[in-house]
Amino acid sequence: MKASEFDKKFDSDEDVIDELELEKSKRPMRKQKRVNVDFPEWMLDSLDEEAARIGVTRQSIIKVWLAERLEQIQRNA
């Protein structure tokens, strides 16, 4: 399938999952590495409140906020 056909199908809200070769998919620069970080209780409470407000997990909001900050630093460097 050509990219233009795929795009048209996707833009029409058609299911495109069968068109993807997920077993071959990769996430460059996305290798995961586990770390442990200790946070003060007040910070966890605030993170949990914000995460619940927007409907994501605590881990997700931490990752998004850290990524945003690192991108901002790189833009300003």
Protein backbone atom coordinates (compact mmCIF):
# COMPACT_ATOMS: atom_id res chain seq x y z
CA MET A 1 0.00 0.00 0.00
CA LYS A 2 1.29 3.43 -0.90
CA ALA A 3 1.70 6.04 1.80
CA SER A 4 -0.95 8.23 0.18
CA GLU A 5 -3.45 5.34 0.30
CA PHE A 6 -2.59 4.67 3.93
CA ASP A 7 -2.99 8.36 4.79
CA LYS A 8 -6.35 8.54 3.04
CA LYS A 9 -7.60 5.46 4.89
CA PHE A 10 -6.31 6.80 8.22
CA ASP A 11 -7.79 10.27 7.63
CA SER A 12 -11.15 8.64 6.86
CA ASP A 13 -11.08 7.03 10.33
CA GLU A 14 -10.76 3.58 8.80
CA ASP A 15 -8.94 0.85 10.73
CA VAL A 16 -5.34 0.72 9.53
CA ILE A 17 -3.89 -1.65 12.12
CA ASP A 18 -3.85 -4.59 9.71
CA GLU A 19 -1.74 -2.55 7.31
CA LEU A 20 1.08 -2.20 9.84
CA GLU A 21 3.91 -4.68 10.36
CA LEU A 22 4.00 -4.31 14.13
CA GLU A 23 6.44 -7.17 14.65
CA LYS A 24 9.03 -5.15 12.72
CA SER A 25 8.32 -1.86 14.44
CA LYS A 26 11.01 -0.10 16.42
CA ARG A 27 11.13 2.98 18.58
CA PRO A 28 14.43 4.68 17.86
CA MET A 29 15.94 6.51 20.81
CA ARG A 30 13.25 4.96 23.02
CA LYS A 31 15.13 2.15 24.77
CA GLN A 32 13.73 1.93 28.27
CA LYS A 33 15.86 1.89 31.40
CA ARG A 34 14.38 1.61 34.86
CA VAL A 35 15.34 4.17 37.49
CA ASN A 36 14.19 4.79 41.03
CA VAL A 37 13.51 8.33 42.18
CA ASP A 38 12.44 9.42 45.64
CA PHE A 39 9.94 12.28 45.79
CA PRO A 40 8.64 14.20 48.80
CA GLU A 41 5.10 13.21 49.73
CA TRP A 42 3.68 16.66 48.88
CA MET A 43 5.10 16.34 45.36
CA LEU A 44 3.54 12.91 44.83
CA ASP A 45 0.20 14.24 46.04
CA SER A 46 0.40 17.10 43.54
CA LEU A 47 1.47 14.76 40.73
CA ASP A 48 -1.39 12.37 41.52
CA GLU A 49 -3.94 15.19 41.56
CA GLU A 50 -2.79 16.52 38.19
CA ALA A 51 -2.56 13.05 36.68
CA ALA A 52 -6.11 12.25 37.84
CA ARG A 53 -7.36 15.59 36.52
CA ILE A 54 -6.15 14.86 33.00
CA GLY A 55 -6.74 11.09 33.18
CA VAL A 56 -3.22 9.68 32.98
CA THR A 57 -0.93 7.79 35.32
CA ARG A 58 1.62 9.38 37.60
CA GLN A 59 4.41 7.82 35.55
CA SER A 60 2.99 9.26 32.33
CA ILE A 61 2.79 12.80 33.64
CA ILE A 62 6.34 12.61 35.00
CA LYS A 63 7.64 11.39 31.63
CA VAL A 64 5.75 14.05 29.67
CA TRP A 65 6.84 16.89 31.94
CA LEU A 66 10.46 15.77 31.93
CA ALA A 67 10.44 15.41 28.14
CA GLU A 68 8.93 18.88 27.73
CA ARG A 69 11.56 20.40 30.00
CA LEU A 70 14.45 18.62 28.25
CA GLU A 71 13.14 19.73 24.84
CA GLN A 72 12.89 23.30 26.12
CA ILE A 73 16.49 23.17 27.36
CA GLN A 74 17.69 21.82 24.01
CA ARG A 75 15.85 24.57 22.10
CA ASN A 76 17.44 27.24 24.27
CA ALA A 77 20.96 25.81 24.14
